[in-house]
Amino acid sequence: MSYCVSKAALLQLARCLDEELAPNVRVGSVMPGVVDTDMQAELRTLDFQSVQFFRDLGNNTSRNTAWAGAGSPPEQALDKPENVADFLVWLLLDVDPHDFGGREWDINSPGDQQSWLQARRA
C-alpha cells in the first residue's frame, strides 16, 4: 500500500509545483505503465490472491518484442524498459515544456502514445 500512496503523493506534488511555479516553470508527471523490472519479477514469485494476473503479464512479455516502432503496445504484458526510456526521452527532448507541464503523461493513453509514436516515425 505504501508504494501506491507514494505514487499518488508524487502526482499531487507535481500538480502543486506546476500551479505554484507557472508560468515560468512547468511541471508534469509521467505514468510509465507496468514495466518489466526486477520488482515485477520478484512480485511474480510471491503468493497472494491476484498473483496469477502478474504472472500472466510476465509470460506475455516474453513473447513480445519492443513495440515502440511497431505502433501497437503489447496487450496484457509488461512493457519493456527500452520503450519507457524512449517515451521519456521524447517527452523531455521533443515536447514543448509548456505542453509538458500541467498534466500527467500516460504511455498507455491512446493520444499520448500516438503523438510519441508519430514523432518517432517522422
Foldseek 3Di string as FASTA:
>chain_A
DVVVVVVVVVQVVQLVCQVVVPPVAFGEAEALFAAPDPVLVVLLVDDDDPSVLSVQQDVQQVVDDQCLQVLDDRPSHHHYPVNSVLLVCCLVPPDDRNVRGDYYHYCPDPVSVVVSSVVVVD
